[in-house]
Amino acid sequence: MKQREKLAAGLLVLLFPVILLVSMMDAFGPSSTQHHRALYNEILPIIYDENEHEHIKRMKATGDYGECEIRPPVFPDHEITPTFSASYPGSGAKMTWVLIEAITGLQTHNDIMFDNTRYAVSTKTHYPNREGTLLKGEENVPRAIIVLRHPLDAFPSYFNYLYEMENHLENHSTRAPIQAWISWRDANFDKEIENWRRFVEYWMDNYSPINRLVVSYEKITDDIMGAVEATRIAEFLSRSKGVVTCPPELIACVWHKVVKYKENSSSNNEGRRLQEIPEIPAPPTKEELAKYGIDPSQFALSDPTNPNSHRSGPTYTPPYTKQQLKDLLSTLTALLERYREEKSLAPILVGYIDAVEKRGES
């Protein structure tokens, strides 16, 4: 009995500082602890709700997404927490980085120019795909936005890029002929399945749920859920030190101008300011770029006011063989088994599996 009393007394001594600390946190009011918890909760996928998203359906029906002005992004004059924007090639990387710039008003860059400095709101990368670069100092980038696209669509989109490069065509300008696609597909399909799997595993395994945001190209481009996904991206970026995103009520307008720009009949960008922050300066000069250690000739400034990334050319549904669909289904199923408890990834994989099964039945 005395031994139990001594043990209980010892535990009380050990727990007293913890109890005192909790009491002190509560003394500052509930907002302190609530804010702490909010910062460290995973941003989960949002399921479509007919009632909750009725206002977005009205926007789509009327074409009225409100008014907002998107200006060229600038480099921050203060330190920010860097974030990776990771995607397999052909999964909307350009669209995503332009959307990030429009939401934040800050410049992004890519992994080719990554030098472990914190002057860009995000760094686009395709790593570990061969189109990406192994980054020195990547351990100092604590957060990542992972953009996924169904491999059935990402593979041909990636090939279109390769076709453009091989034929010296402008990027995001041309869709390859179907025979060229089939030839490349049969030579590279097995390798690309493996590359896609490795990409998913790398980013899921190297970033914790609270430090990564998983979004799908399909949702970002969806007429209804696109604006909702853009809101998730804005929320995630707003948790980065030094990043201010545009007001929530403007997200749908910003998303529509960037992602659905061909539907936007307005060409003058007049309207409300993108961000309710002090006056946005002009795009950086060569001298300002040099201040950040950037070679102006090596830095291609993107322009969210001109987000064109759609290809022209023959229109077709890229075909696959029955065996290729079977192999892809096996890979997606294995990934689902591995990440079944990942609430942000599992629903995306389920949708991809369903799409492959339906394609196989047709």
Protein backbone atom coordinates (compact mmCIF):
# COMPACT_ATOMS: atom_id res chain seq x y z
CA MET A 1 0.00 0.00 0.00
CA LYS A 2 2.77 2.44 0.91
CA GLN A 3 4.54 1.57 -2.31
CA ARG A 4 1.39 2.49 -4.29
CA GLU A 5 1.08 5.76 -2.37
CA LYS A 6 4.71 6.63 -3.17
CA LEU A 7 4.11 5.79 -6.85
CA ALA A 8 0.98 7.96 -6.95
CA ALA A 9 2.83 10.82 -5.28
CA GLY A 10 5.65 10.50 -7.80
CA LEU A 11 3.23 10.58 -10.74
CA LEU A 12 1.56 13.69 -9.31
CA VAL A 13 4.92 15.44 -9.14
CA LEU A 14 5.61 14.53 -12.78
CA LEU A 15 2.15 15.54 -13.99
CA PHE A 16 1.94 18.82 -12.08
CA PRO A 17 3.97 20.85 -14.63
CA VAL A 18 1.79 19.48 -17.44
CA ILE A 19 -1.41 20.36 -15.59
CA LEU A 20 -0.03 23.81 -14.85
CA LEU A 21 0.88 24.34 -18.52
CA VAL A 22 -2.59 23.34 -19.71
CA SER A 23 -4.15 25.64 -17.13
CA MET A 24 -1.98 28.51 -18.32
CA MET A 25 -3.00 27.85 -21.97
CA ASP A 26 -6.66 27.88 -20.95
CA ALA A 27 -6.09 31.12 -19.06
CA PHE A 28 -5.28 32.82 -22.33
CA GLY A 29 -8.70 31.88 -23.61
CA PRO A 30 -10.04 29.08 -25.82
CA SER A 31 -8.91 30.82 -29.00
CA SER A 32 -5.26 29.99 -28.29
CA THR A 33 -5.74 26.25 -28.12
CA GLN A 34 -8.33 26.23 -30.89
CA HIS A 35 -5.97 28.13 -33.19
CA HIS A 36 -3.18 25.70 -32.34
CA ARG A 37 -5.34 22.74 -33.24
CA ALA A 38 -6.59 24.40 -36.45
CA LEU A 39 -3.05 24.90 -37.67
CA TYR A 40 -2.23 21.23 -37.31
CA ASN A 41 -5.31 19.51 -38.68
CA GLU A 42 -5.19 17.79 -42.06
CA ILE A 43 -7.27 19.54 -44.72
CA LEU A 44 -9.55 16.70 -45.79
CA PRO A 45 -11.37 16.34 -49.12
CA ILE A 46 -14.75 18.02 -49.40
CA ILE A 47 -17.61 15.86 -50.64
CA TYR A 48 -20.15 17.43 -52.96
CA ASP A 49 -23.32 18.51 -51.17
CA GLU A 50 -26.20 19.69 -53.33
CA ASN A 51 -27.45 22.15 -50.72
CA GLU A 52 -24.10 23.43 -49.47
CA HIS A 53 -22.76 24.03 -53.00
CA GLU A 54 -25.98 25.40 -54.49
CA HIS A 55 -24.41 28.86 -54.83
CA ILE A 56 -21.64 27.45 -57.06
CA LYS A 57 -24.24 25.76 -59.26
CA ARG A 58 -25.95 29.14 -59.62
CA MET A 59 -22.63 30.70 -60.63
CA LYS A 60 -22.17 28.02 -63.28
CA ALA A 61 -25.73 28.44 -64.55
CA THR A 62 -25.56 32.23 -64.76
CA GLY A 63 -21.89 32.60 -65.61
CA ASP A 64 -21.64 35.18 -62.81
CA TYR A 65 -18.66 34.37 -60.60
CA GLY A 66 -18.36 37.90 -59.27
CA GLU A 67 -15.63 40.40 -60.03
CA CYS A 68 -11.95 40.11 -59.22
CA GLU A 69 -8.72 41.39 -60.67
CA ILE A 70 -5.72 39.14 -61.21
CA ARG A 71 -2.41 40.93 -61.40
CA PRO A 72 1.08 39.65 -62.24
CA PRO A 73 2.66 37.96 -59.21
CA VAL A 74 5.52 39.55 -57.30
CA PHE A 75 8.37 38.34 -55.14
CA PRO A 76 7.70 38.75 -51.41
CA ASP A 77 9.87 41.22 -49.54
CA HIS A 78 9.76 39.01 -46.45
CA GLU A 79 10.57 35.39 -45.60
CA ILE A 80 7.87 32.84 -46.30
CA THR A 81 7.52 29.14 -45.59
CA PRO A 82 8.27 27.38 -48.90
CA THR A 83 5.97 24.74 -50.37
CA PHE A 84 6.41 22.20 -53.14
CA SER A 85 3.77 21.89 -55.86
CA ALA A 86 4.36 18.31 -56.99
CA SER A 87 2.75 16.56 -59.93
CA TYR A 88 3.43 13.78 -62.37
CA PRO A 89 4.06 15.28 -65.86
CA GLY A 90 0.84 15.92 -67.74
CA SER A 91 -1.20 16.57 -64.59
CA GLY A 92 -1.89 20.29 -64.79
CA ALA A 93 1.34 21.65 -63.31
CA LYS A 94 1.14 24.94 -65.20
CA MET A 95 -2.53 25.39 -64.34
CA THR A 96 -1.81 24.73 -60.66
CA TRP A 97 1.11 27.11 -60.35
CA VAL A 98 -0.81 29.88 -62.14
CA LEU A 99 -3.75 29.27 -59.77
CA ILE A 100 -1.39 29.47 -56.77
CA GLU A 101 0.03 32.75 -58.04
CA ALA A 102 -3.46 34.16 -58.58
CA ILE A 103 -4.61 33.11 -55.10
CA THR A 104 -1.55 34.52 -53.32
CA GLY A 105 -0.28 37.28 -55.61
CA LEU A 106 3.22 35.80 -55.11
CA GLN A 107 5.69 34.38 -57.60
CA THR A 108 6.29 30.65 -58.00
CA HIS A 109 9.22 28.91 -59.64
CA ASN A 110 10.32 25.40 -60.64
CA ASP A 111 12.81 22.84 -59.40
CA ILE A 112 15.37 23.72 -62.08
CA MET A 113 15.90 27.07 -60.39
CA PHE A 114 15.44 25.85 -56.82
CA ASP A 115 18.29 27.09 -54.64
CA ASN A 116 16.85 26.66 -51.15
CA THR A 117 15.89 30.33 -50.80
CA ARG A 118 12.50 31.48 -49.66
CA TYR A 119 11.48 34.05 -52.23
CA ALA A 120 8.73 32.06 -54.01
CA VAL A 121 5.43 30.87 -52.63
CA SER A 122 5.83 27.41 -54.18
CA THR A 123 8.26 25.35 -56.25
CA LYS A 124 6.85 23.22 -59.06
CA THR A 125 8.45 19.78 -59.33
CA HIS A 126 7.87 16.44 -61.07
CA TYR A 127 10.39 14.57 -58.92
CA PRO A 128 11.03 11.61 -58.77
CA ASN A 129 10.02 11.47 -62.43
CA ARG A 130 12.92 12.08 -64.83
CA GLU A 131 11.35 15.43 -65.74
CA GLY A 132 12.00 16.49 -62.14
CA THR A 133 15.23 17.30 -60.31
CA LEU A 134 16.61 15.91 -57.05
CA LEU A 135 16.77 19.02 -54.92
CA LYS A 136 19.55 19.92 -52.55
CA GLY A 137 18.00 21.48 -49.49
CA GLU A 138 14.58 19.92 -50.02
CA GLU A 139 14.52 19.07 -46.32
CA ASN A 140 14.05 22.79 -45.71
CA VAL A 141 10.76 22.78 -47.62
CA PRO A 142 8.33 21.42 -45.02
CA ARG A 143 5.09 21.43 -47.01
CA ALA A 144 3.78 20.03 -50.29
CA ILE A 145 0.74 20.25 -52.52
CA ILE A 146 0.39 16.97 -54.42
CA VAL A 147 -1.62 17.20 -57.65
CA LEU A 148 -2.82 13.87 -59.05
CA ARG A 149 -4.40 13.11 -62.40
CA HIS A 150 -5.73 9.82 -63.64
CA PRO A 151 -2.88 7.98 -65.39
CA LEU A 152 -5.20 7.26 -68.35
CA ASP A 153 -5.20 11.02 -68.98
CA ALA A 154 -1.83 12.02 -67.54
CA PHE A 155 0.16 9.65 -69.78
CA PRO A 156 -1.13 11.02 -73.11
CA SER A 157 -0.85 14.59 -71.82
CA TYR A 158 2.78 13.92 -70.91
CA PHE A 159 3.37 12.43 -74.34
CA ASN A 160 1.92 15.56 -75.97
CA TYR A 161 4.60 17.55 -74.17
CA LEU A 162 7.32 15.18 -75.40
CA TYR A 163 5.90 15.38 -78.92
CA GLU A 164 6.04 19.17 -78.81
CA MET A 165 9.63 19.15 -77.60
CA GLU A 166 10.71 16.64 -80.25
CA ASN A 167 9.08 18.64 -83.02
CA HIS A 168 10.18 22.06 -81.71
CA LEU A 169 6.62 23.21 -81.09
CA GLU A 170 5.43 25.68 -78.50
CA ASN A 171 4.68 24.14 -75.11
CA HIS A 172 0.99 23.38 -74.47
CA SER A 173 0.14 24.07 -78.12
CA THR A 174 -0.34 20.76 -79.95
CA ARG A 175 -1.99 17.38 -79.45
CA ALA A 176 0.00 14.52 -80.99
CA PRO A 177 -1.49 12.32 -83.76
CA ILE A 178 -3.12 9.14 -82.49
CA GLN A 179 -0.64 6.83 -84.24
CA ALA A 180 2.26 8.63 -82.58
CA TRP A 181 0.53 8.21 -79.23
CA ILE A 182 -0.03 4.47 -79.73
CA SER A 183 3.59 3.91 -80.72
CA TRP A 184 4.90 5.75 -77.63
CA ARG A 185 2.31 4.12 -75.36
CA ASP A 186 3.31 0.58 -76.31
CA ALA A 187 7.00 1.37 -75.82
CA ASN A 188 6.64 3.15 -72.48
CA PHE A 189 3.44 2.10 -70.72
CA ASP A 190 4.95 -0.32 -68.19
CA LYS A 191 7.68 2.17 -67.26
CA GLU A 192 5.23 5.03 -66.85
CA ILE A 193 2.96 2.99 -64.57
CA GLU A 194 5.95 2.34 -62.35
CA ASN A 195 6.97 6.02 -62.46
CA TRP A 196 3.45 7.12 -61.50
CA ARG A 197 3.38 4.69 -58.58
CA ARG A 198 6.81 5.87 -57.36
CA PHE A 199 5.68 9.48 -57.59
CA VAL A 200 2.64 8.84 -55.37
CA GLU A 201 4.62 6.84 -52.83
CA TYR A 202 7.45 9.36 -52.62
CA TRP A 203 5.26 12.35 -51.79
CA MET A 204 2.85 10.46 -49.55
CA ASP A 205 5.68 8.87 -47.55
CA ASN A 206 7.88 11.96 -47.19
CA TYR A 207 5.24 14.43 -45.97
CA SER A 208 2.88 13.97 -43.06
CA PRO A 209 -0.87 14.52 -43.48
CA ILE A 210 -0.73 17.95 -41.83
CA ASN A 211 2.08 19.08 -44.11
CA ARG A 212 0.66 17.90 -47.42
CA LEU A 213 -2.45 18.64 -49.43
CA VAL A 214 -3.61 16.05 -51.94
CA VAL A 215 -5.79 17.41 -54.73
CA SER A 216 -6.92 15.94 -58.02
CA TYR A 217 -6.81 17.51 -61.46
CA GLU A 218 -10.30 16.14 -62.04
CA LYS A 219 -11.73 18.11 -59.12
CA ILE A 220 -9.79 21.30 -59.84
CA THR A 221 -11.23 21.38 -63.36
CA ASP A 222 -14.74 20.31 -62.34
CA ASP A 223 -17.43 22.93 -62.94
CA ILE A 224 -18.77 22.68 -59.39
CA MET A 225 -16.00 21.26 -57.21
CA GLY A 226 -13.20 23.25 -58.86
CA ALA A 227 -13.86 26.36 -56.80
CA VAL A 228 -14.10 24.17 -53.67
CA GLU A 229 -10.69 22.62 -54.40
CA ALA A 230 -9.26 26.09 -54.95
CA THR A 231 -10.55 27.01 -51.49
CA ARG A 232 -8.68 24.01 -50.03
CA ILE A 233 -5.50 25.14 -51.79
CA ALA A 234 -5.96 28.66 -50.44
CA GLU A 235 -6.51 27.37 -46.91
CA PHE A 236 -3.37 25.23 -47.10
CA LEU A 237 -1.21 28.07 -48.42
CA SER A 238 -2.57 30.50 -45.84
CA ARG A 239 -1.00 28.33 -43.14
CA SER A 240 2.45 29.09 -44.54
CA LYS A 241 4.37 31.79 -42.73
CA GLY A 242 4.28 35.07 -44.64
CA VAL A 243 1.56 34.04 -47.14
CA VAL A 244 -1.70 35.96 -47.44
CA THR A 245 -4.34 34.53 -49.76
CA CYS A 246 -7.20 36.36 -51.42
CA PRO A 247 -10.47 36.68 -49.47
CA PRO A 248 -12.63 33.53 -49.49
CA GLU A 249 -15.46 35.29 -51.29
CA LEU A 250 -13.18 35.88 -54.28
CA ILE A 251 -11.85 32.33 -54.64
CA ALA A 252 -14.57 31.19 -57.06
CA CYS A 253 -13.95 34.20 -59.29
CA VAL A 254 -10.17 33.70 -59.27
CA TRP A 255 -10.55 29.98 -59.98
CA HIS A 256 -12.92 30.65 -62.88
CA LYS A 257 -10.59 33.18 -64.48
CA VAL A 258 -7.58 30.86 -64.27
CA VAL A 259 -9.03 27.39 -64.87
CA LYS A 260 -12.12 28.18 -66.94
CA TYR A 261 -10.71 31.24 -68.67
CA LYS A 262 -12.18 30.31 -72.06
CA GLU A 263 -15.66 30.62 -70.57
CA ASN A 264 -14.87 34.08 -69.22
CA SER A 265 -16.25 36.58 -71.71
CA SER A 266 -14.65 39.52 -69.91
CA SER A 267 -11.27 40.49 -71.33
CA ASN A 268 -10.48 43.58 -69.30
CA ASN A 269 -9.96 42.26 -65.75
CA GLU A 270 -11.75 45.24 -64.24
CA GLY A 271 -13.30 44.66 -60.85
CA ARG A 272 -12.34 44.10 -57.27
CA ARG A 273 -8.74 43.78 -56.20
CA LEU A 274 -7.45 40.21 -55.99
CA GLN A 275 -6.14 40.74 -52.48
CA GLU A 276 -7.16 43.19 -49.83
CA ILE A 277 -3.57 44.09 -49.03
CA PRO A 278 -1.44 47.18 -49.76
CA GLU A 279 -0.88 48.23 -53.37
CA ILE A 280 0.71 45.47 -55.46
CA PRO A 281 3.93 46.69 -57.09
CA ALA A 282 4.88 46.13 -60.72
CA PRO A 283 6.49 42.81 -61.81
CA PRO A 284 10.12 42.44 -60.71
CA THR A 285 12.83 44.18 -62.71
CA LYS A 286 16.12 42.56 -63.70
CA GLU A 287 17.77 44.37 -60.79
CA GLU A 288 15.21 42.99 -58.35
CA LEU A 289 15.70 39.49 -59.72
CA ALA A 290 19.45 39.87 -59.25
CA LYS A 291 18.86 40.84 -55.63
CA TYR A 292 17.42 37.37 -55.09
CA GLY A 293 20.34 35.76 -56.89
CA ILE A 294 18.29 34.92 -59.98
CA ASP A 295 19.66 35.09 -63.50
CA PRO A 296 16.90 36.98 -65.40
CA SER A 297 17.71 35.11 -68.61
CA GLN A 298 17.03 31.80 -66.86
CA PHE A 299 13.80 32.78 -65.13
CA ALA A 300 10.57 32.60 -67.11
CA LEU A 301 7.99 34.71 -65.33
CA SER A 302 4.53 33.19 -65.55
CA ASP A 303 1.47 35.35 -65.98
CA PRO A 304 -1.80 34.38 -64.28
CA THR A 305 -3.57 37.08 -66.31
CA ASN A 306 -2.87 34.92 -69.40
CA PRO A 307 -3.26 31.29 -68.29
CA ASN A 308 -3.52 29.61 -71.73
CA SER A 309 -2.50 25.96 -71.48
CA HIS A 310 -4.91 24.19 -73.85
CA ARG A 311 -3.73 22.22 -76.86
CA SER A 312 -5.11 22.17 -80.39
CA GLY A 313 -4.97 19.29 -82.82
CA PRO A 314 -6.82 16.02 -83.48
CA THR A 315 -9.44 15.19 -80.85
CA TYR A 316 -9.64 11.58 -79.68
CA THR A 317 -9.86 9.43 -76.56
CA PRO A 318 -6.39 7.91 -76.14
CA PRO A 319 -6.87 4.14 -76.49
CA TYR A 320 -5.36 1.41 -74.30
CA THR A 321 -5.17 -2.35 -74.68
CA LYS A 322 -7.05 -4.69 -72.34
CA GLN A 323 -3.74 -5.83 -70.84
CA GLN A 324 -2.62 -2.28 -70.18
CA LEU A 325 -5.88 -1.52 -68.38
CA LYS A 326 -5.46 -4.70 -66.35
CA ASP A 327 -1.91 -3.75 -65.35
CA LEU A 328 -2.96 -0.23 -64.39
CA LEU A 329 -5.86 -1.59 -62.34
CA SER A 330 -3.44 -3.83 -60.45
CA THR A 331 -1.15 -0.88 -59.64
CA LEU A 332 -3.99 1.36 -58.47
CA THR A 333 -5.45 -1.43 -56.33
CA ALA A 334 -2.08 -2.05 -54.68
CA LEU A 335 -1.75 1.67 -53.90
CA LEU A 336 -5.24 1.71 -52.42
CA GLU A 337 -4.36 -1.21 -50.16
CA ARG A 338 -1.25 0.62 -48.99
CA TYR A 339 -2.95 3.96 -48.38
CA ARG A 340 -6.47 2.84 -47.49
CA GLU A 341 -6.39 4.88 -44.26
CA GLU A 342 -5.28 8.06 -46.03
CA LYS A 343 -8.50 10.04 -46.22
CA SER A 344 -7.12 12.49 -48.76
CA LEU A 345 -5.79 9.90 -51.22
CA ALA A 346 -8.02 6.84 -50.90
CA PRO A 347 -11.16 8.46 -52.43
CA ILE A 348 -9.12 9.62 -55.44
CA LEU A 349 -7.73 6.12 -56.00
CA VAL A 350 -11.22 4.60 -55.71
CA GLY A 351 -12.43 6.97 -58.43
CA TYR A 352 -9.48 6.09 -60.64
CA ILE A 353 -10.10 2.36 -60.18
CA ASP A 354 -13.77 2.77 -61.11
CA ALA A 355 -12.80 4.66 -64.26
CA VAL A 356 -10.38 1.92 -65.35
CA GLU A 357 -13.00 -0.78 -64.75
CA LYS A 358 -15.57 1.13 -66.80
CA ARG A 359 -13.04 1.67 -69.60
CA GLY A 360 -12.32 -2.07 -69.59
CA GLU A 361 -16.03 -2.87 -69.96
CA SER A 362 -16.51 -0.60 -72.97
